[in-house]
Amino acid sequence: MIRLWHRVGVFRLLSVLLLVGGVAGGLLVASDRQTQRSDSNPVASNEQQILPNGLAAEREQEDRASRDDAQRKADEAAVTAAEQAKAAETKPAKPASPPRQSYPIPSSCNGLTGNRATGCAMMLAAGYGLDQWPCLERLWTKESGWNHLARNKNSGAYGIPQALPPEKMGTGWRTEPVVQIRWGLGYVKGRYQTPCGAWSFFQSHNWY
């Protein structure tokens, strides 16, 4: 009986040892497989290292493109500004209009004599106010001194308004102040609207 129990004990001990050895072996095999998996996939490890570098390169490329675009726009703006400055330098300056002058406005044509009295009365009859008389008086004083026989030796202009050619003033143009003044008022209205408009132009160009 003792021997039987002894054999049974030995068998149990061997079984326990075999069971422990199997568990240990399984753990070793599992650990070895896990290590093999980690070592057999170097691409995944490399991708983890390469990916940040790829993103950095992409961002650097975007930054470089942004800087190049900003520089291009700055260059274009500089060229445009230079062209505008050059155009401003070469563009002829517009002649300044003479300052508008105010003249004493008479209350009537009374006190005027000769061709001036005739001119003032005809101006009012043509629909202008007395505010236009100072301009008309100065305009034709400059042109002819209100002399209906005045003749420009250089151009041939004639009469109070200095018409050229004088024949266009109509019948009586040589000696009739009324004919000359009537034509002169029509010329002023058609070209400058008012005697003051004609006088302003005359001040800038010395002709009208």
N, C-alpha and C. Protein backbone atom coordinates (compact mmCIF):
# COMPACT_ATOMS: atom_id res chain seq x y z
N MET A 1 0.84 -1.20 0.00
CA MET A 1 0.00 0.00 0.00
C MET A 1 0.87 1.24 0.00
N ILE A 2 1.93 1.19 0.77
CA ILE A 2 2.85 2.35 0.85
C ILE A 2 3.46 2.59 -0.51
N ARG A 3 3.87 1.53 -1.18
CA ARG A 3 4.47 1.68 -2.50
C ARG A 3 3.45 2.27 -3.49
N LEU A 4 2.20 1.83 -3.34
CA LEU A 4 1.18 2.35 -4.27
C LEU A 4 1.01 3.85 -4.10
N TRP A 5 0.90 4.26 -2.83
CA TRP A 5 0.78 5.70 -2.59
C TRP A 5 2.00 6.45 -3.03
N HIS A 6 3.12 5.82 -2.90
CA HIS A 6 4.37 6.45 -3.32
C HIS A 6 4.37 6.69 -4.81
N ARG A 7 3.91 5.68 -5.56
CA ARG A 7 3.85 5.84 -7.02
C ARG A 7 2.83 6.91 -7.42
N VAL A 8 1.72 6.89 -6.74
CA VAL A 8 0.72 7.92 -7.04
C VAL A 8 1.27 9.31 -6.79
N GLY A 9 2.03 9.49 -5.74
CA GLY A 9 2.61 10.80 -5.42
C GLY A 9 3.60 11.22 -6.48
N VAL A 10 4.36 10.25 -6.95
CA VAL A 10 5.36 10.57 -7.98
C VAL A 10 4.66 11.02 -9.25
N PHE A 11 3.61 10.28 -9.61
CA PHE A 11 2.85 10.64 -10.83
C PHE A 11 2.24 12.04 -10.71
N ARG A 12 1.73 12.36 -9.54
CA ARG A 12 1.14 13.69 -9.35
C ARG A 12 2.20 14.79 -9.47
N LEU A 13 3.34 14.49 -8.88
CA LEU A 13 4.42 15.47 -8.95
C LEU A 13 4.84 15.70 -10.38
N LEU A 14 4.98 14.62 -11.15
CA LEU A 14 5.37 14.76 -12.56
C LEU A 14 4.31 15.54 -13.35
N SER A 15 3.04 15.26 -13.03
CA SER A 15 1.96 15.97 -13.74
C SER A 15 2.01 17.48 -13.49
N VAL A 16 2.27 17.80 -12.20
CA VAL A 16 2.34 19.22 -11.85
C VAL A 16 3.50 19.88 -12.55
N LEU A 17 4.65 19.15 -12.57
CA LEU A 17 5.82 19.72 -13.24
C LEU A 17 5.56 19.92 -14.72
N LEU A 18 4.92 18.95 -15.34
CA LEU A 18 4.61 19.08 -16.77
C LEU A 18 3.66 20.24 -17.03
N LEU A 19 2.67 20.40 -16.14
CA LEU A 19 1.71 21.48 -16.32
C LEU A 19 2.38 22.84 -16.19
N VAL A 20 3.26 22.99 -15.19
CA VAL A 20 3.98 24.25 -14.99
C VAL A 20 4.88 24.53 -16.17
N GLY A 21 5.55 23.47 -16.66
CA GLY A 21 6.45 23.65 -17.80
C GLY A 21 5.68 24.06 -19.04
N GLY A 22 4.50 23.49 -19.25
CA GLY A 22 3.71 23.87 -20.43
C GLY A 22 3.27 25.32 -20.39
N VAL A 23 2.83 25.77 -19.20
CA VAL A 23 2.41 27.18 -19.06
C VAL A 23 3.57 28.12 -19.32
N ALA A 24 4.74 27.77 -18.75
CA ALA A 24 5.92 28.62 -18.95
C ALA A 24 6.32 28.66 -20.41
N GLY A 25 6.24 27.48 -21.05
CA GLY A 25 6.61 27.44 -22.47
C GLY A 25 5.65 28.28 -23.32
N GLY A 26 4.37 28.22 -22.98
CA GLY A 26 3.39 29.01 -23.72
C GLY A 26 3.64 30.50 -23.59
N LEU A 27 4.00 30.91 -22.37
CA LEU A 27 4.30 32.32 -22.17
C LEU A 27 5.51 32.75 -22.97
N LEU A 28 6.53 31.88 -23.01
CA LEU A 28 7.74 32.21 -23.78
C LEU A 28 7.43 32.32 -25.26
N VAL A 29 6.60 31.39 -25.75
CA VAL A 29 6.25 31.41 -27.18
C VAL A 29 5.47 32.68 -27.53
N ALA A 30 4.50 33.04 -26.66
CA ALA A 30 3.72 34.25 -26.92
C ALA A 30 4.58 35.49 -26.92
N SER A 31 5.52 35.56 -25.97
CA SER A 31 6.42 36.71 -25.91
C SER A 31 7.29 36.78 -27.14
N ASP A 32 7.76 35.61 -27.60
CA ASP A 32 8.63 35.56 -28.77
C ASP A 32 7.88 36.01 -30.02
N ARG A 33 6.59 35.58 -30.11
CA ARG A 33 5.79 36.00 -31.28
C ARG A 33 5.55 37.51 -31.29
N GLN A 34 5.30 38.06 -30.12
CA GLN A 34 5.08 39.51 -30.04
C GLN A 34 6.32 40.27 -30.45
N THR A 35 7.48 39.75 -30.05
CA THR A 35 8.74 40.39 -30.42
C THR A 35 8.96 40.30 -31.91
N GLN A 36 8.62 39.10 -32.50
CA GLN A 36 8.79 38.92 -33.93
C GLN A 36 7.90 39.88 -34.72
N ARG A 37 6.66 40.10 -34.21
CA ARG A 37 5.76 41.02 -34.90
C ARG A 37 6.32 42.44 -34.90
N SER A 38 6.86 42.85 -33.78
CA SER A 38 7.41 44.21 -33.70
C SER A 38 8.60 44.37 -34.62
N ASP A 39 9.45 43.29 -34.67
CA ASP A 39 10.66 43.38 -35.49
C ASP A 39 10.35 43.21 -36.97
N SER A 40 9.28 42.47 -37.29
CA SER A 40 9.00 42.18 -38.69
C SER A 40 8.23 43.30 -39.39
N ASN A 41 7.87 44.42 -38.71
CA ASN A 41 7.12 45.52 -39.33
C ASN A 41 7.87 46.84 -39.16
N PRO A 42 9.06 46.94 -39.75
CA PRO A 42 9.85 48.17 -39.60
C PRO A 42 9.23 49.34 -40.34
N VAL A 43 8.35 49.07 -41.36
CA VAL A 43 7.76 50.16 -42.15
C VAL A 43 6.89 51.05 -41.29
N ALA A 44 6.08 50.41 -40.41
CA ALA A 44 5.21 51.20 -39.54
C ALA A 44 6.01 52.11 -38.65
N SER A 45 7.14 51.58 -38.13
CA SER A 45 7.99 52.40 -37.27
C SER A 45 8.59 53.56 -38.05
N ASN A 46 9.02 53.27 -39.28
CA ASN A 46 9.61 54.33 -40.09
C ASN A 46 8.58 55.38 -40.47
N GLU A 47 7.32 54.93 -40.73
CA GLU A 47 6.29 55.88 -41.09
C GLU A 47 6.03 56.86 -39.96
N GLN A 48 6.10 56.37 -38.72
CA GLN A 48 5.88 57.26 -37.58
C GLN A 48 6.97 58.34 -37.51
N GLN A 49 8.16 57.99 -37.99
CA GLN A 49 9.24 58.96 -37.97
C GLN A 49 9.19 59.87 -39.20
N ILE A 50 8.76 59.32 -40.35
CA ILE A 50 8.79 60.08 -41.59
C ILE A 50 7.62 61.06 -41.67
N LEU A 51 6.44 60.69 -41.14
CA LEU A 51 5.25 61.51 -41.28
C LEU A 51 5.43 62.94 -40.76
N PRO A 52 5.98 63.15 -39.56
CA PRO A 52 6.17 64.54 -39.11
C PRO A 52 7.07 65.33 -40.05
N ASN A 53 8.12 64.69 -40.58
CA ASN A 53 9.02 65.38 -41.49
C ASN A 53 8.29 65.77 -42.77
N GLY A 54 7.40 64.90 -43.27
CA GLY A 54 6.62 65.21 -44.47
C GLY A 54 5.70 66.40 -44.26
N LEU A 55 5.04 66.44 -43.10
CA LEU A 55 4.18 67.58 -42.80
C LEU A 55 4.98 68.87 -42.70
N ALA A 56 6.13 68.81 -42.11
CA ALA A 56 6.98 69.99 -41.99
C ALA A 56 7.41 70.50 -43.37
N ALA A 57 7.77 69.56 -44.26
CA ALA A 57 8.17 69.96 -45.60
C ALA A 57 7.02 70.60 -46.36
N GLU A 58 5.80 70.03 -46.16
CA GLU A 58 4.64 70.58 -46.84
C GLU A 58 4.32 71.99 -46.35
N ARG A 59 4.43 72.18 -45.04
CA ARG A 59 4.17 73.51 -44.51
C ARG A 59 5.23 74.51 -44.97
N GLU A 60 6.45 74.06 -45.03
CA GLU A 60 7.52 74.95 -45.50
C GLU A 60 7.28 75.36 -46.95
N GLN A 61 6.81 74.40 -47.77
CA GLN A 61 6.52 74.71 -49.16
C GLN A 61 5.37 75.71 -49.28
N GLU A 62 4.33 75.54 -48.42
CA GLU A 62 3.22 76.49 -48.43
C GLU A 62 3.67 77.88 -48.01
N ASP A 63 4.53 77.94 -46.97
CA ASP A 63 5.03 79.23 -46.52
C ASP A 63 5.85 79.91 -47.62
N ARG A 64 6.66 79.14 -48.32
CA ARG A 64 7.48 79.70 -49.38
C ARG A 64 6.60 80.25 -50.51
N ALA A 65 5.53 79.50 -50.85
CA ALA A 65 4.62 79.96 -51.89
C ALA A 65 3.91 81.25 -51.47
N SER A 66 3.53 81.32 -50.17
CA SER A 66 2.87 82.52 -49.68
C SER A 66 3.79 83.73 -49.74
N ARG A 67 5.07 83.54 -49.35
CA ARG A 67 6.04 84.63 -49.41
C ARG A 67 6.28 85.08 -50.85
N ASP A 68 6.37 84.12 -51.76
CA ASP A 68 6.59 84.47 -53.17
C ASP A 68 5.41 85.26 -53.72
N ASP A 69 4.18 84.86 -53.33
CA ASP A 69 3.00 85.58 -53.81
C ASP A 69 2.96 87.00 -53.27
N ALA A 70 3.30 87.16 -51.98
CA ALA A 70 3.32 88.49 -51.39
C ALA A 70 4.37 89.37 -52.05
N GLN A 71 5.52 88.80 -52.36
CA GLN A 71 6.58 89.57 -53.01
C GLN A 71 6.16 89.98 -54.42
N ARG A 72 5.47 89.06 -55.13
CA ARG A 72 5.01 89.37 -56.48
C ARG A 72 4.01 90.53 -56.46
N LYS A 73 3.08 90.50 -55.49
CA LYS A 73 2.10 91.58 -55.40
C LYS A 73 2.77 92.91 -55.06
N ALA A 74 3.77 92.86 -54.18
CA ALA A 74 4.48 94.08 -53.83
C ALA A 74 5.22 94.66 -55.04
N ASP A 75 5.83 93.79 -55.84
CA ASP A 75 6.53 94.24 -57.04
C ASP A 75 5.57 94.86 -58.04
N GLU A 76 4.40 94.23 -58.21
CA GLU A 76 3.41 94.77 -59.14
C GLU A 76 2.90 96.13 -58.67
N ALA A 77 2.69 96.28 -57.36
CA ALA A 77 2.23 97.57 -56.83
C ALA A 77 3.28 98.65 -57.04
N ALA A 78 4.56 98.29 -56.88
CA ALA A 78 5.63 99.26 -57.08
C ALA A 78 5.71 99.70 -58.53
N VAL A 79 5.55 98.75 -59.45
CA VAL A 79 5.58 99.09 -60.88
C VAL A 79 4.42 100.00 -61.24
N THR A 80 3.22 99.70 -60.71
CA THR A 80 2.05 100.52 -61.00
C THR A 80 2.22 101.94 -60.46
N ALA A 81 2.76 102.06 -59.25
CA ALA A 81 2.98 103.39 -58.67
C ALA A 81 3.99 104.18 -59.49
N ALA A 82 5.04 103.51 -59.96
CA ALA A 82 6.04 104.20 -60.77
C ALA A 82 5.44 104.69 -62.09
N GLU A 83 4.61 103.85 -62.72
CA GLU A 83 3.97 104.25 -63.97
C GLU A 83 3.04 105.43 -63.77
N GLN A 84 2.28 105.42 -62.67
CA GLN A 84 1.37 106.53 -62.40
C GLN A 84 2.14 107.83 -62.15
N ALA A 85 3.25 107.72 -61.43
CA ALA A 85 4.06 108.91 -61.16
C ALA A 85 4.65 109.47 -62.46
N LYS A 86 5.10 108.57 -63.33
CA LYS A 86 5.65 109.01 -64.61
C LYS A 86 4.59 109.67 -65.47
N ALA A 87 3.38 109.07 -65.48
CA ALA A 87 2.29 109.66 -66.26
C ALA A 87 1.91 111.04 -65.74
N ALA A 88 1.94 111.19 -64.41
CA ALA A 88 1.61 112.49 -63.82
C ALA A 88 2.65 113.55 -64.20
N GLU A 89 3.91 113.13 -64.34
CA GLU A 89 4.96 114.07 -64.70
C GLU A 89 4.84 114.51 -66.15
N THR A 90 4.47 113.59 -67.04
CA THR A 90 4.42 113.90 -68.46
C THR A 90 3.11 114.53 -68.89
N LYS A 91 2.04 114.38 -68.09
CA LYS A 91 0.75 114.94 -68.45
C LYS A 91 0.78 116.46 -68.35
N PRO A 92 0.42 117.18 -69.41
CA PRO A 92 0.47 118.63 -69.35
C PRO A 92 -0.51 119.18 -68.34
N ALA A 93 -0.07 120.16 -67.63
CA ALA A 93 -0.92 120.75 -66.59
C ALA A 93 -2.04 121.55 -67.25
N LYS A 94 -3.23 121.40 -66.70
CA LYS A 94 -4.38 122.12 -67.20
C LYS A 94 -4.27 123.58 -66.79
N PRO A 95 -4.38 124.49 -67.75
CA PRO A 95 -4.23 125.91 -67.39
C PRO A 95 -5.31 126.33 -66.40
N ALA A 96 -4.87 127.03 -65.41
CA ALA A 96 -5.80 127.46 -64.37
C ALA A 96 -6.71 128.55 -64.90
N SER A 97 -7.96 128.46 -64.51
CA SER A 97 -8.92 129.48 -64.92
C SER A 97 -8.64 130.76 -64.15
N PRO A 98 -8.79 131.87 -64.79
CA PRO A 98 -8.54 133.12 -64.07
C PRO A 98 -9.56 133.29 -62.95
N PRO A 99 -9.17 133.90 -61.87
CA PRO A 99 -10.13 134.10 -60.77
C PRO A 99 -11.31 134.95 -61.23
N ARG A 100 -12.48 134.54 -60.79
CA ARG A 100 -13.68 135.29 -61.16
C ARG A 100 -13.67 136.64 -60.45
N GLN A 101 -13.77 137.66 -61.25
CA GLN A 101 -13.72 139.00 -60.70
C GLN A 101 -15.13 139.58 -60.60
N SER A 102 -15.30 140.36 -59.59
CA SER A 102 -16.59 141.03 -59.42
C SER A 102 -16.40 142.50 -59.77
N TYR A 103 -17.32 143.00 -60.58
CA TYR A 103 -17.25 144.39 -61.01
C TYR A 103 -18.50 145.13 -60.54
N PRO A 104 -18.37 146.40 -60.34
CA PRO A 104 -19.55 147.19 -59.96
C PRO A 104 -20.62 147.09 -61.04
N ILE A 105 -21.83 146.76 -60.63
CA ILE A 105 -22.94 146.61 -61.57
C ILE A 105 -23.74 147.91 -61.59
N PRO A 106 -23.86 148.50 -62.74
CA PRO A 106 -24.63 149.76 -62.81
C PRO A 106 -26.11 149.51 -62.59
N SER A 107 -26.79 150.51 -62.11
CA SER A 107 -28.24 150.38 -61.90
C SER A 107 -29.01 150.55 -63.19
N SER A 108 -28.37 151.14 -64.19
CA SER A 108 -29.01 151.34 -65.49
C SER A 108 -27.91 151.69 -66.51
N CYS A 109 -28.35 151.88 -67.72
CA CYS A 109 -27.41 152.29 -68.77
C CYS A 109 -27.25 153.81 -68.84
N ASN A 110 -27.95 154.50 -67.95
CA ASN A 110 -27.84 155.95 -67.94
C ASN A 110 -26.42 156.38 -67.59
N GLY A 111 -25.99 157.42 -68.18
CA GLY A 111 -24.64 157.92 -67.95
C GLY A 111 -23.67 157.45 -69.02
N LEU A 112 -24.04 156.44 -69.79
CA LEU A 112 -23.19 155.98 -70.88
C LEU A 112 -23.47 156.80 -72.13
N THR A 113 -22.49 156.90 -72.97
CA THR A 113 -22.65 157.66 -74.21
C THR A 113 -22.09 156.88 -75.38
N GLY A 114 -22.46 157.32 -76.57
CA GLY A 114 -21.89 156.76 -77.79
C GLY A 114 -22.22 155.29 -77.97
N ASN A 115 -21.25 154.59 -78.51
CA ASN A 115 -21.45 153.18 -78.80
C ASN A 115 -21.66 152.35 -77.53
N ARG A 116 -21.10 152.79 -76.41
CA ARG A 116 -21.31 152.07 -75.16
C ARG A 116 -22.77 152.15 -74.73
N ALA A 117 -23.37 153.29 -74.86
CA ALA A 117 -24.79 153.43 -74.50
C ALA A 117 -25.64 152.53 -75.39
N THR A 118 -25.30 152.49 -76.69
CA THR A 118 -26.03 151.62 -77.62
C THR A 118 -25.83 150.15 -77.25
N GLY A 119 -24.59 149.80 -76.94
CA GLY A 119 -24.28 148.42 -76.59
C GLY A 119 -25.00 147.98 -75.33
N CYS A 120 -25.06 148.82 -74.31
CA CYS A 120 -25.72 148.47 -73.05
C CYS A 120 -27.21 148.25 -73.28
N ALA A 121 -27.83 149.15 -74.05
CA ALA A 121 -29.26 149.03 -74.31
C ALA A 121 -29.56 147.76 -75.11
N MET A 122 -28.75 147.46 -76.11
CA MET A 122 -28.96 146.26 -76.93
C MET A 122 -28.70 144.97 -76.13
N MET A 123 -27.78 145.04 -75.19
CA MET A 123 -27.51 143.88 -74.33
C MET A 123 -28.73 143.55 -73.48
N LEU A 124 -29.36 144.57 -72.91
CA LEU A 124 -30.56 144.33 -72.11
C LEU A 124 -31.69 143.79 -72.99
N ALA A 125 -31.78 144.32 -74.20
CA ALA A 125 -32.82 143.85 -75.12
C ALA A 125 -32.59 142.40 -75.53
N ALA A 126 -31.33 141.95 -75.52
CA ALA A 126 -31.01 140.57 -75.88
C ALA A 126 -31.29 139.59 -74.75
N GLY A 127 -31.71 140.10 -73.59
CA GLY A 127 -32.08 139.21 -72.50
C GLY A 127 -31.06 139.10 -71.38
N TYR A 128 -29.98 139.83 -71.45
CA TYR A 128 -28.97 139.81 -70.38
C TYR A 128 -29.30 140.85 -69.32
N GLY A 129 -28.82 140.61 -68.11
CA GLY A 129 -28.99 141.57 -67.03
C GLY A 129 -27.82 142.53 -66.98
N LEU A 130 -27.99 143.56 -66.18
CA LEU A 130 -26.94 144.56 -66.04
C LEU A 130 -25.66 143.98 -65.42
N ASP A 131 -25.77 142.81 -64.76
CA ASP A 131 -24.58 142.19 -64.19
C ASP A 131 -23.60 141.76 -65.28
N GLN A 132 -24.07 141.65 -66.53
CA GLN A 132 -23.19 141.25 -67.63
C GLN A 132 -22.52 142.45 -68.30
N TRP A 133 -22.99 143.63 -68.00
CA TRP A 133 -22.43 144.80 -68.67
C TRP A 133 -20.95 145.04 -68.35
N PRO A 134 -20.50 144.95 -67.10
CA PRO A 134 -19.07 145.17 -66.86
C PRO A 134 -18.17 144.26 -67.69
N CYS A 135 -18.60 143.00 -67.91
CA CYS A 135 -17.80 142.06 -68.70
C CYS A 135 -17.80 142.45 -70.17
N LEU A 136 -18.99 142.80 -70.71
CA LEU A 136 -19.06 143.18 -72.12
C LEU A 136 -18.29 144.46 -72.38
N GLU A 137 -18.40 145.39 -71.46
CA GLU A 137 -17.70 146.67 -71.62
C GLU A 137 -16.18 146.46 -71.66
N ARG A 138 -15.67 145.62 -70.76
CA ARG A 138 -14.23 145.37 -70.74
C ARG A 138 -13.78 144.55 -71.95
N LEU A 139 -14.62 143.59 -72.38
CA LEU A 139 -14.26 142.75 -73.52
C LEU A 139 -14.05 143.58 -74.78
N TRP A 140 -15.02 144.41 -75.11
CA TRP A 140 -14.91 145.16 -76.37
C TRP A 140 -14.04 146.41 -76.23
N THR A 141 -13.79 146.82 -74.99
CA THR A 141 -12.77 147.86 -74.81
C THR A 141 -11.40 147.31 -75.18
N LYS A 142 -11.13 146.07 -74.77
CA LYS A 142 -9.87 145.41 -75.12
C LYS A 142 -9.76 145.17 -76.63
N GLU A 143 -10.87 144.79 -77.24
CA GLU A 143 -10.85 144.43 -78.66
C GLU A 143 -10.73 145.66 -79.57
N SER A 144 -11.54 146.66 -79.29
CA SER A 144 -11.60 147.77 -80.25
C SER A 144 -11.72 149.15 -79.62
N GLY A 145 -11.85 149.21 -78.28
CA GLY A 145 -12.12 150.49 -77.65
C GLY A 145 -13.50 151.02 -78.00
N TRP A 146 -14.40 150.12 -78.43
CA TRP A 146 -15.77 150.44 -78.86
C TRP A 146 -15.77 151.35 -80.10
N ASN A 147 -14.73 151.27 -80.86
CA ASN A 147 -14.63 152.04 -82.10
C ASN A 147 -15.16 151.17 -83.24
N HIS A 148 -16.25 151.59 -83.86
CA HIS A 148 -16.85 150.78 -84.91
C HIS A 148 -16.05 150.81 -86.22
N LEU A 149 -15.01 151.63 -86.27
CA LEU A 149 -14.15 151.68 -87.45
C LEU A 149 -12.79 151.02 -87.20
N ALA A 150 -12.64 150.41 -86.03
CA ALA A 150 -11.34 149.80 -85.67
C ALA A 150 -11.04 148.61 -86.58
N ARG A 151 -9.80 148.53 -87.03
CA ARG A 151 -9.38 147.43 -87.91
C ARG A 151 -8.03 146.91 -87.45
N ASN A 152 -7.91 145.59 -87.31
CA ASN A 152 -6.64 144.96 -86.94
C ASN A 152 -5.79 144.81 -88.20
N LYS A 153 -4.65 145.48 -88.24
CA LYS A 153 -3.80 145.46 -89.42
C LYS A 153 -3.22 144.08 -89.70
N ASN A 154 -3.02 143.29 -88.65
CA ASN A 154 -2.41 141.97 -88.84
C ASN A 154 -3.41 140.92 -89.32
N SER A 155 -4.58 140.89 -88.68
CA SER A 155 -5.55 139.83 -89.00
C SER A 155 -6.66 140.29 -89.94
N GLY A 156 -6.96 141.59 -89.95
CA GLY A 156 -8.07 142.08 -90.74
C GLY A 156 -9.38 142.11 -89.99
N ALA A 157 -9.38 141.73 -88.69
CA ALA A 157 -10.61 141.79 -87.88
C ALA A 157 -11.09 143.24 -87.82
N TYR A 158 -12.42 143.40 -87.72
CA TYR A 158 -12.98 144.75 -87.90
C TYR A 158 -14.14 145.00 -86.95
N GLY A 159 -14.29 146.27 -86.62
CA GLY A 159 -15.46 146.73 -85.89
C GLY A 159 -15.35 146.56 -84.37
N ILE A 160 -16.45 146.89 -83.69
CA ILE A 160 -16.50 146.83 -82.24
C ILE A 160 -16.20 145.42 -81.72
N PRO A 161 -16.81 144.36 -82.28
CA PRO A 161 -16.51 143.01 -81.78
C PRO A 161 -15.31 142.37 -82.46
N GLN A 162 -14.70 143.09 -83.44
CA GLN A 162 -13.55 142.57 -84.18
C GLN A 162 -13.90 141.24 -84.87
N ALA A 163 -14.86 141.30 -85.76
CA ALA A 163 -15.30 140.13 -86.52
C ALA A 163 -14.28 139.80 -87.60
N LEU A 164 -14.12 138.49 -87.88
CA LEU A 164 -13.19 138.05 -88.92
C LEU A 164 -13.76 136.83 -89.63
N PRO A 165 -14.01 136.91 -90.91
CA PRO A 165 -13.95 138.14 -91.74
C PRO A 165 -15.10 139.09 -91.39
N PRO A 166 -14.91 140.38 -91.57
CA PRO A 166 -15.92 141.34 -91.13
C PRO A 166 -17.20 141.28 -91.93
N GLU A 167 -17.16 140.76 -93.16
CA GLU A 167 -18.35 140.73 -93.99
C GLU A 167 -19.49 139.88 -93.39
N LYS A 168 -19.14 138.95 -92.51
CA LYS A 168 -20.17 138.08 -91.95
C LYS A 168 -21.10 138.82 -90.99
N MET A 169 -20.76 140.07 -90.64
CA MET A 169 -21.65 140.84 -89.77
C MET A 169 -22.90 141.29 -90.51
N GLY A 170 -22.86 141.25 -91.83
CA GLY A 170 -24.06 141.59 -92.60
C GLY A 170 -24.01 142.98 -93.20
N THR A 171 -25.10 143.34 -93.81
CA THR A 171 -25.21 144.63 -94.48
C THR A 171 -25.00 145.78 -93.51
N GLY A 172 -24.13 146.72 -93.89
CA GLY A 172 -23.83 147.89 -93.06
C GLY A 172 -22.69 147.64 -92.09
N TRP A 173 -21.99 146.54 -92.25
CA TRP A 173 -20.94 146.17 -91.30
C TRP A 173 -19.82 147.19 -91.21
N ARG A 174 -19.58 147.98 -92.28
CA ARG A 174 -18.46 148.93 -92.27
C ARG A 174 -18.71 150.12 -91.35
N THR A 175 -19.93 150.61 -91.29
CA THR A 175 -20.18 151.89 -90.62
C THR A 175 -21.27 151.87 -89.57
N GLU A 176 -22.00 150.78 -89.44
CA GLU A 176 -23.15 150.77 -88.56
C GLU A 176 -22.83 150.06 -87.23
N PRO A 177 -22.70 150.81 -86.12
CA PRO A 177 -22.45 150.19 -84.81
C PRO A 177 -23.53 149.20 -84.41
N VAL A 178 -24.81 149.48 -84.74
CA VAL A 178 -25.90 148.59 -84.35
C VAL A 178 -25.72 147.22 -85.01
N VAL A 179 -25.34 147.23 -86.29
CA VAL A 179 -25.10 145.95 -87.00
C VAL A 179 -23.98 145.17 -86.33
N GLN A 180 -22.93 145.85 -86.01
CA GLN A 180 -21.77 145.20 -85.39
C GLN A 180 -22.11 144.65 -84.00
N ILE A 181 -22.81 145.46 -83.20
CA ILE A 181 -23.14 145.04 -81.83
C ILE A 181 -24.12 143.87 -81.85
N ARG A 182 -25.10 143.93 -82.75
CA ARG A 182 -26.06 142.83 -82.84
C ARG A 182 -25.33 141.52 -83.19
N TRP A 183 -24.46 141.58 -84.16
CA TRP A 183 -23.71 140.37 -84.53
C TRP A 183 -22.82 139.91 -83.37
N GLY A 184 -22.16 140.87 -82.71
CA GLY A 184 -21.26 140.52 -81.61
C GLY A 184 -21.99 139.85 -80.46
N LEU A 185 -23.17 140.34 -80.12
CA LEU A 185 -23.96 139.72 -79.04
C LEU A 185 -24.39 138.30 -79.43
N GLY A 186 -24.75 138.09 -80.70
CA GLY A 186 -25.12 136.75 -81.14
C GLY A 186 -23.94 135.79 -81.09
N TYR A 187 -22.77 136.30 -81.47
CA TYR A 187 -21.56 135.47 -81.42
C TYR A 187 -21.23 135.06 -79.99
N VAL A 188 -21.31 136.01 -79.06
CA VAL A 188 -21.02 135.73 -77.66
C VAL A 188 -21.99 134.70 -77.10
N LYS A 189 -23.29 134.86 -77.41
CA LYS A 189 -24.28 133.93 -76.88
C LYS A 189 -24.08 132.53 -77.44
N GLY A 190 -23.77 132.42 -78.74
CA GLY A 190 -23.62 131.11 -79.34
C GLY A 190 -22.37 130.37 -78.89
N ARG A 191 -21.31 131.10 -78.57
CA ARG A 191 -20.03 130.46 -78.23
C ARG A 191 -19.77 130.40 -76.72
N TYR A 192 -20.18 131.43 -75.98
CA TYR A 192 -19.83 131.50 -74.55
C TYR A 192 -21.03 131.68 -73.63
N GLN A 193 -22.24 131.72 -74.19
CA GLN A 193 -23.49 131.87 -73.45
C GLN A 193 -23.70 133.29 -72.91
N THR A 194 -22.66 133.84 -72.28
CA THR A 194 -22.83 135.16 -71.66
C THR A 194 -21.60 136.03 -71.94
N PRO A 195 -21.73 137.34 -71.85
CA PRO A 195 -20.57 138.22 -71.98
C PRO A 195 -19.49 137.92 -70.94
N CYS A 196 -19.89 137.55 -69.71
CA CYS A 196 -18.88 137.22 -68.69
C CYS A 196 -18.15 135.92 -69.04
N GLY A 197 -18.86 134.98 -69.70
CA GLY A 197 -18.17 133.78 -70.15
C GLY A 197 -17.14 134.10 -71.21
N ALA A 198 -17.47 135.01 -72.13
CA ALA A 198 -16.52 135.42 -73.17
C ALA A 198 -15.35 136.19 -72.57
N TRP A 199 -15.64 137.03 -71.59
CA TRP A 199 -14.56 137.81 -70.96
C TRP A 199 -13.60 136.92 -70.18
N SER A 200 -14.13 135.91 -69.50
CA SER A 200 -13.28 134.96 -68.77
C SER A 200 -12.36 134.22 -69.73
N PHE A 201 -12.89 133.79 -70.88
CA PHE A 201 -12.06 133.11 -71.87
C PHE A 201 -10.99 134.06 -72.42
N PHE A 202 -11.37 135.29 -72.68
CA PHE A 202 -10.43 136.27 -73.20
C PHE A 202 -9.26 136.50 -72.24
N GLN A 203 -9.55 136.51 -70.96
CA GLN A 203 -8.49 136.73 -69.99
C GLN A 203 -7.44 135.63 -70.01
N SER A 204 -7.87 134.40 -70.35
CA SER A 204 -6.93 133.28 -70.40
C SER A 204 -6.19 133.16 -71.72
N HIS A 205 -6.83 133.60 -72.83
CA HIS A 205 -6.26 133.35 -74.16
C HIS A 205 -5.95 134.62 -74.95
N ASN A 206 -6.42 135.75 -74.47
CA ASN A 206 -6.21 137.03 -75.16
C ASN A 206 -6.92 137.07 -76.50
N TRP A 207 -7.92 136.26 -76.66
CA TRP A 207 -8.83 136.30 -77.82
C TRP A 207 -10.12 135.60 -77.41
N TYR A 208 -11.15 135.76 -78.21
CA TYR A 208 -12.41 135.10 -77.87
C TYR A 208 -13.13 134.69 -79.15
